[in-house]
Amino acid sequence: MIAPSILNADNMHLSRDIKAAIESGIDRFHIDIMDGYFVPNLSYGPELVKDFKRSFPLTEAEIHLMSNNLKITLPLFVEAGCDLLEFHYEATDNPSYWLKYLKDHNVRRGMAINPSTPVQKVRPFLKDLDQVLLMTVKPGFGGQKFEEKSVERLVELKNMIKAENLNLPIEVDGGIDRETLKISRDAGATIFVVGSYIFKNGSIEDQVMKLKKEDK
Protein backbone atom coordinates (compact mmCIF):
# COMPACT_ATOMS: atom_id res chain seq x y z
CA MET A 1 0.00 0.00 0.00
CA ILE A 2 1.18 3.50 -0.86
CA ALA A 3 0.31 6.15 1.77
CA PRO A 4 1.27 9.60 0.47
CA SER A 5 2.50 12.08 3.07
CA ILE A 6 0.73 15.38 2.57
CA LEU A 7 3.59 17.14 4.37
CA ASN A 8 5.32 17.35 0.99
CA ALA A 9 2.27 18.46 -1.00
CA ASP A 10 1.68 22.04 -2.11
CA ASN A 11 0.04 23.72 0.89
CA MET A 12 -1.53 26.33 -1.37
CA HIS A 13 -3.14 23.57 -3.46
CA LEU A 14 -3.48 20.76 -0.94
CA SER A 15 -6.95 19.64 -2.02
CA ARG A 16 -5.84 19.54 -5.67
CA ASP A 17 -2.83 17.35 -4.85
CA ILE A 18 -4.89 15.00 -2.68
CA LYS A 19 -7.51 14.63 -5.42
CA ALA A 20 -4.81 13.84 -7.98
CA ALA A 21 -3.46 11.06 -5.77
CA ILE A 22 -6.93 9.65 -5.09
CA GLU A 23 -7.64 9.58 -8.82
CA SER A 24 -4.47 7.49 -9.17
CA GLY A 25 -5.87 4.86 -6.81
CA ILE A 26 -4.70 6.10 -3.40
CA ASP A 27 -7.11 5.36 -0.54
CA ARG A 28 -5.01 6.35 2.49
CA PHE A 29 -3.01 9.46 3.32
CA HIS A 30 -0.33 9.85 5.96
CA ILE A 31 -0.72 13.08 7.94
CA ASP A 32 2.34 14.12 9.94
CA ILE A 33 1.54 15.98 13.15
CA MET A 34 4.54 17.74 14.72
CA ASP A 35 4.34 19.83 17.87
CA GLY A 36 7.74 21.55 17.84
CA TYR A 37 8.88 19.71 20.97
CA PHE A 38 9.14 16.00 20.19
CA VAL A 39 10.59 17.01 16.83
CA PRO A 40 11.95 20.46 15.88
CA ASN A 41 9.21 21.27 13.40
CA LEU A 42 5.54 22.23 13.26
CA SER A 43 2.84 21.04 10.90
CA TYR A 44 -0.94 20.62 11.09
CA GLY A 45 -3.70 20.78 13.66
CA PRO A 46 -6.92 18.80 14.13
CA GLU A 47 -8.95 21.17 11.94
CA LEU A 48 -7.08 19.93 8.89
CA VAL A 49 -8.06 16.36 9.72
CA LYS A 50 -11.70 17.39 10.13
CA ASP A 51 -11.58 19.15 6.75
CA PHE A 52 -9.89 16.15 5.17
CA LYS A 53 -12.56 13.71 6.38
CA ARG A 54 -15.36 16.05 5.39
CA SER A 55 -13.95 16.51 1.88
CA PHE A 56 -12.76 12.92 1.38
CA PRO A 57 -14.98 10.73 3.62
CA LEU A 58 -14.10 7.49 1.83
CA THR A 59 -10.34 8.05 2.13
CA GLU A 60 -8.42 7.02 5.23
CA ALA A 61 -6.64 9.59 7.37
CA GLU A 62 -3.62 8.04 9.04
CA ILE A 63 -2.17 10.27 11.76
CA HIS A 64 1.54 10.07 12.57
CA LEU A 65 1.61 11.88 15.89
CA MET A 66 5.04 13.29 16.69
CA SER A 67 4.32 14.72 20.11
CA ASN A 68 5.31 13.84 23.65
CA ASN A 69 2.26 15.58 25.08
CA LEU A 70 -0.20 12.81 24.28
CA LYS A 71 -2.59 13.82 27.04
CA ILE A 72 -3.37 16.99 25.09
CA THR A 73 -2.70 16.12 21.46
CA LEU A 74 -3.87 12.54 20.99
CA PRO A 75 -7.54 13.05 22.00
CA LEU A 76 -7.77 16.07 19.67
CA PHE A 77 -6.98 13.98 16.62
CA VAL A 78 -9.22 11.15 17.72
CA GLU A 79 -12.07 13.66 18.01
CA ALA A 80 -11.15 15.06 14.60
CA GLY A 81 -12.08 11.74 13.03
CA CYS A 82 -8.85 10.01 12.10
CA ASP A 83 -9.07 6.37 11.03
CA LEU A 84 -5.72 5.25 12.38
CA LEU A 85 -3.30 6.94 14.76
CA GLU A 86 0.36 6.13 15.29
CA PHE A 87 2.13 7.56 18.31
CA HIS A 88 5.80 7.13 19.16
CA TYR A 89 7.04 4.55 21.61
CA GLU A 90 9.55 7.17 22.71
CA ALA A 91 6.84 9.73 23.51
CA THR A 92 5.22 8.11 26.53
CA ASP A 93 5.98 6.06 29.63
CA ASN A 94 2.62 4.30 29.34
CA PRO A 95 2.00 3.08 25.77
CA SER A 96 -0.61 0.55 26.94
CA TYR A 97 -2.84 3.32 28.27
CA TRP A 98 -2.95 5.06 24.90
CA LEU A 99 -3.43 1.84 22.97
CA LYS A 100 -6.49 1.10 25.11
CA TYR A 101 -7.69 4.68 24.64
CA LEU A 102 -7.55 4.31 20.88
CA LYS A 103 -9.31 0.94 20.99
CA ASP A 104 -12.05 2.35 23.22
CA HIS A 105 -12.58 5.14 20.70
CA ASN A 106 -12.66 2.80 17.69
CA VAL A 107 -9.46 4.17 16.15
CA ARG A 108 -6.99 1.69 14.69
CA ARG A 109 -3.71 1.60 16.59
CA GLY A 110 -0.16 2.08 15.38
CA MET A 111 3.15 2.51 17.16
CA ALA A 112 6.14 4.28 15.63
CA ILE A 113 9.79 3.78 16.53
CA ASN A 114 12.74 6.00 15.69
CA PRO A 115 15.88 4.67 13.97
CA SER A 116 17.76 4.80 17.28
CA THR A 117 15.19 2.73 19.19
CA PRO A 118 15.80 -1.05 19.40
CA VAL A 119 13.13 -2.95 17.50
CA GLN A 120 12.60 -5.25 20.49
CA LYS A 121 11.04 -2.36 22.41
CA VAL A 122 7.73 -2.82 20.56
CA ARG A 123 7.48 -6.55 21.17
CA PRO A 124 5.31 -6.32 24.34
CA PHE A 125 2.72 -4.29 22.43
CA LEU A 126 2.45 -6.19 19.15
CA LYS A 127 -0.74 -8.05 20.06
CA ASP A 128 -2.48 -4.71 20.70
CA LEU A 129 -1.43 -3.04 17.44
CA ASP A 130 -2.93 -2.80 13.98
CA GLN A 131 0.40 -1.83 12.42
CA VAL A 132 3.96 -0.83 13.28
CA LEU A 133 5.66 2.22 11.79
CA LEU A 134 9.41 1.80 11.47
CA MET A 135 11.01 5.16 10.77
CA THR A 136 13.70 4.95 8.11
CA VAL A 137 14.89 8.49 8.84
CA LYS A 138 15.01 10.63 11.96
CA PRO A 139 11.51 12.14 12.21
CA GLY A 140 10.79 15.83 11.81
CA PHE A 141 11.49 16.78 8.20
CA GLY A 142 10.62 15.46 4.75
CA GLY A 143 13.07 14.86 1.95
CA GLN A 144 15.67 12.91 3.95
CA LYS A 145 17.74 9.99 2.66
CA PHE A 146 16.69 6.43 3.54
CA GLU A 147 18.93 5.00 6.29
CA GLU A 148 20.50 1.74 5.09
CA LYS A 149 20.47 0.18 8.57
CA SER A 150 16.68 0.15 8.26
CA VAL A 151 16.85 -3.00 6.14
CA GLU A 152 18.25 -5.09 9.00
CA ARG A 153 15.72 -3.54 11.38
CA LEU A 154 12.87 -4.44 9.03
CA VAL A 155 13.97 -8.05 8.83
CA GLU A 156 14.26 -8.20 12.61
CA LEU A 157 10.79 -6.73 13.06
CA LYS A 158 9.26 -9.04 10.47
CA ASN A 159 10.77 -12.09 12.16
CA MET A 160 9.65 -10.88 15.58
CA ILE A 161 6.06 -10.48 14.38
CA LYS A 162 6.19 -13.93 12.79
CA ALA A 163 7.50 -15.44 16.04
CA GLU A 164 4.45 -14.02 17.82
CA ASN A 165 2.15 -15.68 15.25
CA LEU A 166 0.75 -12.32 14.20
CA ASN A 167 -0.12 -10.89 10.80
CA LEU A 168 0.80 -7.29 11.46
CA PRO A 169 1.55 -4.80 8.67
CA ILE A 170 4.87 -2.97 8.81
CA GLU A 171 4.95 0.59 7.55
CA VAL A 172 8.10 2.49 6.57
CA ASP A 173 8.50 6.26 6.46
CA GLY A 174 11.45 8.30 5.23
CA GLY A 175 13.34 8.49 1.95
CA ILE A 176 10.96 6.16 0.11
CA ASP A 177 11.17 6.14 -3.69
CA ARG A 178 10.97 3.36 -6.28
CA GLU A 179 14.32 1.87 -5.27
CA THR A 180 13.91 2.03 -1.50
CA LEU A 181 10.31 0.85 -1.73
CA LYS A 182 11.50 -2.33 -3.40
CA ILE A 183 14.30 -2.78 -0.84
CA SER A 184 11.86 -2.23 2.03
CA ARG A 185 9.25 -4.52 0.53
CA ASP A 186 11.75 -7.34 0.16
CA ALA A 187 12.77 -6.85 3.83
CA GLY A 188 9.17 -7.11 5.09
CA ALA A 189 7.41 -3.76 4.77
CA THR A 190 3.90 -3.66 3.30
CA ILE A 191 2.89 0.01 3.72
CA PHE A 192 5.03 2.78 2.26
CA VAL A 193 4.81 6.43 3.26
CA VAL A 194 5.96 8.51 0.32
CA GLY A 195 6.22 12.29 0.25
CA SER A 196 8.75 14.11 -1.89
CA TYR A 197 8.88 11.42 -4.57
CA ILE A 198 5.16 11.84 -5.25
CA PHE A 199 4.63 15.56 -4.73
CA LYS A 200 7.93 17.11 -5.82
CA ASN A 201 8.57 15.42 -9.15
CA GLY A 202 6.03 16.62 -11.68
CA SER A 203 2.91 14.57 -12.36
CA ILE A 204 1.47 13.09 -9.17
CA GLU A 205 -0.38 10.47 -11.21
CA ASP A 206 2.80 9.34 -12.98
CA GLN A 207 4.75 9.09 -9.73
CA VAL A 208 2.04 7.04 -8.02
CA MET A 209 1.88 4.67 -10.98
CA LYS A 210 5.65 4.16 -10.89
CA LEU A 211 5.44 3.26 -7.19
CA LYS A 212 2.50 0.91 -7.70
CA LYS A 213 4.54 -1.07 -10.21
CA GLU A 214 7.07 -1.79 -7.47
CA ASP A 215 4.44 -2.46 -4.78
CA LYS A 216 3.49 -5.92 -6.00
C-alpha atoms as a PDB file:
ATOM      1  CA  MET A   1       0.000   0.000   0.000  1.00  0.00           C
ATOM      2  CA  ILE A   2       1.175   3.500  -0.862  1.00  0.00           C
ATOM      3  CA  ALA A   3       0.311   6.154   1.769  1.00  0.00           C
ATOM      4  CA  PRO A   4       1.274   9.604   0.474  1.00  0.00           C
ATOM      5  CA  SER A   5       2.496  12.078   3.068  1.00  0.00           C
ATOM      6  CA  ILE A   6       0.729  15.385   2.568  1.00  0.00           C
ATOM      7  CA  LEU A   7       3.585  17.142   4.370  1.00  0.00           C
ATOM      8  CA  ASN A   8       5.317  17.351   0.988  1.00  0.00           C
ATOM      9  CA  ALA A   9       2.268  18.457  -1.002  1.00  0.00           C
ATOM     10  CA  ASP A  10       1.683  22.042  -2.105  1.00  0.00           C
ATOM     11  CA  ASN A  11       0.045  23.718   0.893  1.00  0.00           C
ATOM     12  CA  MET A  12      -1.531  26.333  -1.367  1.00  0.00           C
ATOM     13  CA  HIS A  13      -3.140  23.566  -3.456  1.00  0.00           C
ATOM     14  CA  LEU A  14      -3.481  20.760  -0.935  1.00  0.00           C
ATOM     15  CA  SER A  15      -6.947  19.643  -2.022  1.00  0.00           C
ATOM     16  CA  ARG A  16      -5.836  19.542  -5.665  1.00  0.00           C
ATOM     17  CA  ASP A  17      -2.832  17.353  -4.849  1.00  0.00           C
ATOM     18  CA  ILE A  18      -4.892  14.997  -2.681  1.00  0.00           C
ATOM     19  CA  LYS A  19      -7.509  14.632  -5.423  1.00  0.00           C
ATOM     20  CA  ALA A  20      -4.811  13.842  -7.980  1.00  0.00           C
ATOM     21  CA  ALA A  21      -3.457  11.064  -5.774  1.00  0.00           C
ATOM     22  CA  ILE A  22      -6.932   9.650  -5.095  1.00  0.00           C
ATOM     23  CA  GLU A  23      -7.643   9.577  -8.819  1.00  0.00           C
ATOM     24  CA  SER A  24      -4.469   7.494  -9.174  1.00  0.00           C
ATOM     25  CA  GLY A  25      -5.868   4.859  -6.810  1.00  0.00           C
ATOM     26  CA  ILE A  26      -4.700   6.096  -3.403  1.00  0.00           C
ATOM     27  CA  ASP A  27      -7.111   5.355  -0.539  1.00  0.00           C
ATOM     28  CA  ARG A  28      -5.009   6.345   2.490  1.00  0.00           C
ATOM     29  CA  PHE A  29      -3.013   9.462   3.323  1.00  0.00           C
ATOM     30  CA  HIS A  30      -0.328   9.850   5.958  1.00  0.00           C
ATOM     31  CA  ILE A  31      -0.716  13.077   7.937  1.00  0.00           C
ATOM     32  CA  ASP A  32       2.344  14.124   9.936  1.00  0.00           C
ATOM     33  CA  ILE A  33       1.539  15.984  13.146  1.00  0.00           C
ATOM     34  CA  MET A  34       4.535  17.739  14.724  1.00  0.00           C
ATOM     35  CA  ASP A  35       4.336  19.833  17.869  1.00  0.00           C
ATOM     36  CA  GLY A  36       7.736  21.550  17.843  1.00  0.00           C
ATOM     37  CA  TYR A  37       8.885  19.708  20.975  1.00  0.00           C
ATOM     38  CA  PHE A  38       9.139  16.004  20.192  1.00  0.00           C
ATOM     39  CA  VAL A  39      10.594  17.009  16.833  1.00  0.00           C
ATOM     40  CA  PRO A  40      11.945  20.459  15.881  1.00  0.00           C
ATOM     41  CA  ASN A  41       9.211  21.271  13.398  1.00  0.00           C
ATOM     42  CA  LEU A  42       5.545  22.234  13.262  1.00  0.00           C
ATOM     43  CA  SER A  43       2.839  21.038  10.898  1.00  0.00           C
ATOM     44  CA  TYR A  44      -0.937  20.617  11.094  1.00  0.00           C
ATOM     45  CA  GLY A  45      -3.699  20.784  13.663  1.00  0.00           C
ATOM     46  CA  PRO A  46      -6.917  18.798  14.129  1.00  0.00           C
ATOM     47  CA  GLU A  47      -8.950  21.172  11.943  1.00  0.00           C
ATOM     48  CA  LEU A  48      -7.081  19.931   8.888  1.00  0.00           C
ATOM     49  CA  VAL A  49      -8.060  16.356   9.716  1.00  0.00           C
ATOM     50  CA  LYS A  50     -11.700  17.387  10.133  1.00  0.00           C
ATOM     51  CA  ASP A  51     -11.584  19.147   6.753  1.00  0.00           C
ATOM     52  CA  PHE A  52      -9.892  16.153   5.167  1.00  0.00           C
ATOM     53  CA  LYS A  53     -12.557  13.707   6.376  1.00  0.00           C
ATOM     54  CA  ARG A  54     -15.362  16.054   5.388  1.00  0.00           C
ATOM     55  CA  SER A  55     -13.947  16.511   1.879  1.00  0.00           C
ATOM     56  CA  PHE A  56     -12.763  12.917   1.382  1.00  0.00           C
ATOM     57  CA  PRO A  57     -14.982  10.731   3.622  1.00  0.00           C
ATOM     58  CA  LEU A  58     -14.097   7.488   1.829  1.00  0.00           C
ATOM     59  CA  THR A  59     -10.344   8.051   2.127  1.00  0.00           C
ATOM     60  CA  GLU A  60      -8.424   7.017   5.230  1.00  0.00           C
ATOM     61  CA  ALA A  61      -6.640   9.594   7.373  1.00  0.00           C
ATOM     62  CA  GLU A  62      -3.622   8.037   9.043  1.00  0.00           C
ATOM     63  CA  ILE A  63      -2.169  10.270  11.759  1.00  0.00           C
ATOM     64  CA  HIS A  64       1.540  10.071  12.571  1.00  0.00           C
ATOM     65  CA  LEU A  65       1.613  11.878  15.895  1.00  0.00           C
ATOM     66  CA  MET A  66       5.044  13.295  16.685  1.00  0.00           C
ATOM     67  CA  SER A  67       4.319  14.723  20.111  1.00  0.00           C
ATOM     68  CA  ASN A  68       5.309  13.840  23.653  1.00  0.00           C
ATOM     69  CA  ASN A  69       2.259  15.582  25.084  1.00  0.00           C
ATOM     70  CA  LEU A  70      -0.199  12.813  24.276  1.00  0.00           C
ATOM     71  CA  LYS A  71      -2.588  13.821  27.036  1.00  0.00           C
ATOM     72  CA  ILE A  72      -3.373  16.992  25.092  1.00  0.00           C
ATOM     73  CA  THR A  73      -2.700  16.125  21.461  1.00  0.00           C
ATOM     74  CA  LEU A  74      -3.871  12.544  20.992  1.00  0.00           C
ATOM     75  CA  PRO A  75      -7.543  13.049  22.002  1.00  0.00           C
ATOM     76  CA  LEU A  76      -7.770  16.069  19.672  1.00  0.00           C
ATOM     77  CA  PHE A  77      -6.977  13.979  16.620  1.00  0.00           C
ATOM     78  CA  VAL A  78      -9.223  11.147  17.725  1.00  0.00           C
ATOM     79  CA  GLU A  79     -12.072  13.655  18.012  1.00  0.00           C
ATOM     80  CA  ALA A  80     -11.148  15.058  14.602  1.00  0.00           C
ATOM     81  CA  GLY A  81     -12.085  11.741  13.028  1.00  0.00           C
ATOM     82  CA  CYS A  82      -8.847  10.008  12.105  1.00  0.00           C
ATOM     83  CA  ASP A  83      -9.068   6.372  11.031  1.00  0.00           C
ATOM     84  CA  LEU A  84      -5.716   5.247  12.376  1.00  0.00           C
ATOM     85  CA  LEU A  85      -3.304   6.944  14.764  1.00  0.00           C
ATOM     86  CA  GLU A  86       0.358   6.126  15.286  1.00  0.00           C
ATOM     87  CA  PHE A  87       2.135   7.559  18.310  1.00  0.00           C
ATOM     88  CA  HIS A  88       5.797   7.133  19.157  1.00  0.00           C
ATOM     89  CA  TYR A  89       7.041   4.549  21.614  1.00  0.00           C
ATOM     90  CA  GLU A  90       9.554   7.174  22.713  1.00  0.00           C
ATOM     91  CA  ALA A  91       6.843   9.730  23.513  1.00  0.00           C
ATOM     92  CA  THR A  92       5.220   8.106  26.530  1.00  0.00           C
ATOM     93  CA  ASP A  93       5.977   6.061  29.631  1.00  0.00           C
ATOM     94  CA  ASN A  94       2.620   4.296  29.337  1.00  0.00           C
ATOM     95  CA  PRO A  95       1.997   3.081  25.770  1.00  0.00           C
ATOM     96  CA  SER A  96      -0.607   0.550  26.943  1.00  0.00           C
ATOM     97  CA  TYR A  97      -2.845   3.317  28.271  1.00  0.00           C
ATOM     98  CA  TRP A  98      -2.953   5.055  24.904  1.00  0.00           C
ATOM     99  CA  LEU A  99      -3.432   1.841  22.972  1.00  0.00           C
ATOM    100  CA  LYS A 100      -6.487   1.105  25.109  1.00  0.00           C
ATOM    101  CA  TYR A 101      -7.686   4.684  24.641  1.00  0.00           C
ATOM    102  CA  LEU A 102      -7.552   4.310  20.877  1.00  0.00           C
ATOM    103  CA  LYS A 103      -9.308   0.942  20.992  1.00  0.00           C
ATOM    104  CA  ASP A 104     -12.054   2.345  23.223  1.00  0.00           C
ATOM    105  CA  HIS A 105     -12.585   5.145  20.698  1.00  0.00           C
ATOM    106  CA  ASN A 106     -12.663   2.802  17.685  1.00  0.00           C
ATOM    107  CA  VAL A 107      -9.465   4.166  16.150  1.00  0.00           C
ATOM    108  CA  ARG A 108      -6.985   1.693  14.685  1.00  0.00           C
ATOM    109  CA  ARG A 109      -3.706   1.601  16.587  1.00  0.00           C
ATOM    110  CA  GLY A 110      -0.162   2.084  15.377  1.00  0.00           C
ATOM    111  CA  MET A 111       3.145   2.506  17.156  1.00  0.00           C
ATOM    112  CA  ALA A 112       6.139   4.281  15.629  1.00  0.00           C
ATOM    113  CA  ILE A 113       9.789   3.781  16.533  1.00  0.00           C
ATOM    114  CA  ASN A 114      12.740   5.999  15.687  1.00  0.00           C
ATOM    115  CA  PRO A 115      15.879   4.670  13.969  1.00  0.00           C
ATOM    116  CA  SER A 116      17.759   4.804  17.278  1.00  0.00           C
ATOM    117  CA  THR A 117      15.187   2.727  19.186  1.00  0.00           C
ATOM    118  CA  PRO A 118      15.798  -1.046  19.398  1.00  0.00           C
ATOM    119  CA  VAL A 119      13.133  -2.950  17.497  1.00  0.00           C
ATOM    120  CA  GLN A 120      12.601  -5.247  20.491  1.00  0.00           C
ATOM    121  CA  LYS A 121      11.039  -2.362  22.411  1.00  0.00           C
ATOM    122  CA  VAL A 122       7.732  -2.818  20.564  1.00  0.00           C
ATOM    123  CA  ARG A 123       7.479  -6.553  21.173  1.00  0.00           C
ATOM    124  CA  PRO A 124       5.311  -6.322  24.342  1.00  0.00           C
ATOM    125  CA  PHE A 125       2.716  -4.294  22.426  1.00  0.00           C
ATOM    126  CA  LEU A 126       2.452  -6.188  19.152  1.00  0.00           C
ATOM    127  CA  LYS A 127      -0.738  -8.046  20.064  1.00  0.00           C
ATOM    128  CA  ASP A 128      -2.483  -4.712  20.697  1.00  0.00           C
ATOM    129  CA  LEU A 129      -1.434  -3.042  17.443  1.00  0.00           C
ATOM    130  CA  ASP A 130      -2.929  -2.802  13.980  1.00  0.00           C
ATOM    131  CA  GLN A 131       0.397  -1.832  12.417  1.00  0.00           C
ATOM    132  CA  VAL A 132       3.963  -0.832  13.280  1.00  0.00           C
ATOM    133  CA  LEU A 133       5.660   2.220  11.788  1.00  0.00           C
ATOM    134  CA  LEU A 134       9.406   1.805  11.470  1.00  0.00           C
ATOM    135  CA  MET A 135      11.011   5.164  10.774  1.00  0.00           C
ATOM    136  CA  THR A 136      13.700   4.946   8.111  1.00  0.00           C
ATOM    137  CA  VAL A 137      14.887   8.492   8.845  1.00  0.00           C
ATOM    138  CA  LYS A 138      15.013  10.635  11.964  1.00  0.00           C
ATOM    139  CA  PRO A 139      11.507  12.141  12.214  1.00  0.00           C
ATOM    140  CA  GLY A 140      10.792  15.828  11.810  1.00  0.00           C
ATOM    141  CA  PHE A 141      11.491  16.779   8.201  1.00  0.00           C
ATOM    142  CA  GLY A 142      10.621  15.465   4.754  1.00  0.00           C
ATOM    143  CA  GLY A 143      13.073  14.863   1.948  1.00  0.00           C
ATOM    144  CA  GLN A 144      15.666  12.912   3.951  1.00  0.00           C
ATOM    145  CA  LYS A 145      17.735   9.990   2.658  1.00  0.00           C
ATOM    146  CA  PHE A 146      16.692   6.430   3.538  1.00  0.00           C
ATOM    147  CA  GLU A 147      18.932   4.997   6.286  1.00  0.00           C
ATOM    148  CA  GLU A 148      20.502   1.742   5.090  1.00  0.00           C
ATOM    149  CA  LYS A 149      20.468   0.183   8.568  1.00  0.00           C
ATOM    150  CA  SER A 150      16.681   0.150   8.263  1.00  0.00           C
ATOM    151  CA  VAL A 151      16.846  -3.003   6.140  1.00  0.00           C
ATOM    152  CA  GLU A 152      18.245  -5.087   9.000  1.00  0.00           C
ATOM    153  CA  ARG A 153      15.723  -3.543  11.379  1.00  0.00           C
ATOM    154  CA  LEU A 154      12.865  -4.443   9.034  1.00  0.00           C
ATOM    155  CA  VAL A 155      13.974  -8.048   8.828  1.00  0.00           C
ATOM    156  CA  GLU A 156      14.257  -8.197  12.614  1.00  0.00           C
ATOM    157  CA  LEU A 157      10.789  -6.725  13.056  1.00  0.00           C
ATOM    158  CA  LYS A 158       9.258  -9.042  10.466  1.00  0.00           C
ATOM    159  CA  ASN A 159      10.768 -12.093  12.161  1.00  0.00           C
ATOM    160  CA  MET A 160       9.655 -10.879  15.576  1.00  0.00           C
ATOM    161  CA  ILE A 161       6.063 -10.481  14.383  1.00  0.00           C
ATOM    162  CA  LYS A 162       6.186 -13.934  12.794  1.00  0.00           C
ATOM    163  CA  ALA A 163       7.502 -15.439  16.039  1.00  0.00           C
ATOM    164  CA  GLU A 164       4.452 -14.020  17.820  1.00  0.00           C
ATOM    165  CA  ASN A 165       2.151 -15.684  15.249  1.00  0.00           C
ATOM    166  CA  LEU A 166       0.754 -12.321  14.204  1.00  0.00           C
ATOM    167  CA  ASN A 167      -0.122 -10.893  10.802  1.00  0.00           C
ATOM    168  CA  LEU A 168       0.801  -7.289  11.455  1.00  0.00           C
ATOM    169  CA  PRO A 169       1.550  -4.803   8.675  1.00  0.00           C
ATOM    170  CA  ILE A 170       4.869  -2.966   8.806  1.00  0.00           C
ATOM    171  CA  GLU A 171       4.952   0.594   7.553  1.00  0.00           C
ATOM    172  CA  VAL A 172       8.099   2.493   6.573  1.00  0.00           C
ATOM    173  CA  ASP A 173       8.498   6.260   6.461  1.00  0.00           C
ATOM    174  CA  GLY A 174      11.448   8.302   5.233  1.00  0.00           C
ATOM    175  CA  GLY A 175      13.335   8.492   1.953  1.00  0.00           C
ATOM    176  CA  ILE A 176      10.959   6.162   0.106  1.00  0.00           C
ATOM    177  CA  ASP A 177      11.174   6.141  -3.688  1.00  0.00           C
ATOM    178  CA  ARG A 178      10.972   3.358  -6.280  1.00  0.00           C
ATOM    179  CA  GLU A 179      14.322   1.874  -5.270  1.00  0.00           C
ATOM    180  CA  THR A 180      13.912   2.030  -1.499  1.00  0.00           C
ATOM    181  CA  LEU A 181      10.309   0.852  -1.730  1.00  0.00           C
ATOM    182  CA  LYS A 182      11.501  -2.328  -3.403  1.00  0.00           C
ATOM    183  CA  ILE A 183      14.296  -2.776  -0.841  1.00  0.00           C
ATOM    184  CA  SER A 184      11.865  -2.228   2.030  1.00  0.00           C
ATOM    185  CA  ARG A 185       9.248  -4.521   0.528  1.00  0.00           C
ATOM    186  CA  ASP A 186      11.753  -7.337   0.164  1.00  0.00           C
ATOM    187  CA  ALA A 187      12.766  -6.851   3.827  1.00  0.00           C
ATOM    188  CA  GLY A 188       9.175  -7.114   5.090  1.00  0.00           C
ATOM    189  CA  ALA A 189       7.412  -3.756   4.767  1.00  0.00           C
ATOM    190  CA  THR A 190       3.901  -3.656   3.303  1.00  0.00           C
ATOM    191  CA  ILE A 191       2.891   0.007   3.719  1.00  0.00           C
ATOM    192  CA  PHE A 192       5.025   2.777   2.259  1.00  0.00           C
ATOM    193  CA  VAL A 193       4.815   6.428   3.262  1.00  0.00           C
ATOM    194  CA  VAL A 194       5.963   8.511   0.322  1.00  0.00           C
ATOM    195  CA  GLY A 195       6.222  12.287   0.254  1.00  0.00           C
ATOM    196  CA  SER A 196       8.750  14.110  -1.887  1.00  0.00           C
ATOM    197  CA  TYR A 197       8.883  11.423  -4.566  1.00  0.00           C
ATOM    198  CA  ILE A 198       5.160  11.837  -5.251  1.00  0.00           C
ATOM    199  CA  PHE A 199       4.626  15.559  -4.727  1.00  0.00           C
ATOM    200  CA  LYS A 200       7.933  17.114  -5.821  1.00  0.00           C
ATOM    201  CA  ASN A 201       8.570  15.416  -9.151  1.00  0.00           C
ATOM    202  CA  GLY A 202       6.025  16.617 -11.676  1.00  0.00           C
ATOM    203  CA  SER A 203       2.913  14.570 -12.359  1.00  0.00           C
ATOM    204  CA  ILE A 204       1.467  13.091  -9.170  1.00  0.00           C
ATOM    205  CA  GLU A 205      -0.385  10.475 -11.208  1.00  0.00           C
ATOM    206  CA  ASP A 206       2.798   9.341 -12.976  1.00  0.00           C
ATOM    207  CA  GLN A 207       4.747   9.092  -9.726  1.00  0.00           C
ATOM    208  CA  VAL A 208       2.035   7.045  -8.024  1.00  0.00           C
ATOM    209  CA  MET A 209       1.878   4.673 -10.984  1.00  0.00           C
ATOM    210  CA  LYS A 210       5.654   4.163 -10.886  1.00  0.00           C
ATOM    211  CA  LEU A 211       5.440   3.256  -7.188  1.00  0.00           C
ATOM    212  CA  LYS A 212       2.501   0.915  -7.695  1.00  0.00           C
ATOM    213  CA  LYS A 213       4.539  -1.073 -10.205  1.00  0.00           C
ATOM    214  CA  GLU A 214       7.074  -1.789  -7.471  1.00  0.00           C
ATOM    215  CA  ASP A 215       4.442  -2.457  -4.782  1.00  0.00           C
ATOM    216  CA  LYS A 216       3.493  -5.924  -5.999  1.00  0.00           C
END
